[in-house]
């Protein structure tokens, strides 16, 4: 089985070309096996390029715990790059079907090479039952802003809850580098207020055009980057009047540029890198 190891600012996945109806069996089990960093290839998860009846191609994504996810911002940039380089899609603009809807993607070329990739991420969702979150007496809803206070390890944190096709909870901290993300993230991901678990973003404001962020992704743990999480973080910053709508998001793996337009559409731009191509031999 031929695979491609790719990464978007450190958010790394194993990619399989499954067009022409070549999807393997037992995908959850395969994702767990391949993603293992000691006994497999090693990755944050598995992503498949598949046939689509409604877009240029379809992306299926599995976390490294085997759970299937709806969307991955860093992953979809790599899908677009790989599809173009393999000749699956010949245009630098394409549509990709995901469980979070059809996304428009544009390859930004520099000297006939893919420099960055821009994804139209769609609109953030603020409907509690669609995020989804469980409302409590402590939940505050003001317009699109949903504030949820949660006590964790004797510390009260307030979260802005948003869906970007997957559930996100964003909180603001003074120093994100020193914050115990692994300790808090593992608890918060599975908190009872999130019926489908959640991605947890810890955000430090640098200025009105830049933030720093670390993320605990559901089904994976702390990762070097999360595209949908970066978008959710920018939305939370705007709702809290902490930044403008065009923000550089600094993550441990690198930077993403996120713009939340007045028409409610979010665009994200960042790199997509092929690390290596290989063959998995199932003995």
Foldseek 3Di string as FASTA:
>chain_A
DKWFWKWFLFQIEIEDECEPPNDDPPQLVVFLQQCDPPRHVHHQTYWYWYDDPPWLTEIWIAGNNSHTAFDFPGVVFQVLQVCCVVVSDVAQWIWYQTNLGIKIKGFDDDPNHGDKIKIFLFFKDQDCVVLDFADDPQWDDDPSWIWDWDQDPNDIWIWTWIHSSYTETETEDADAVPDPCQRRVVDQQPDPRDPVGYKYKYWHQPAQAEIEIWIQGPSRGTTQDTDSHVQVHLVVCVVVVGHDQWHWYQGNSGIKTWGQDPVRIIMIMGHMGTDDMDDDDDD
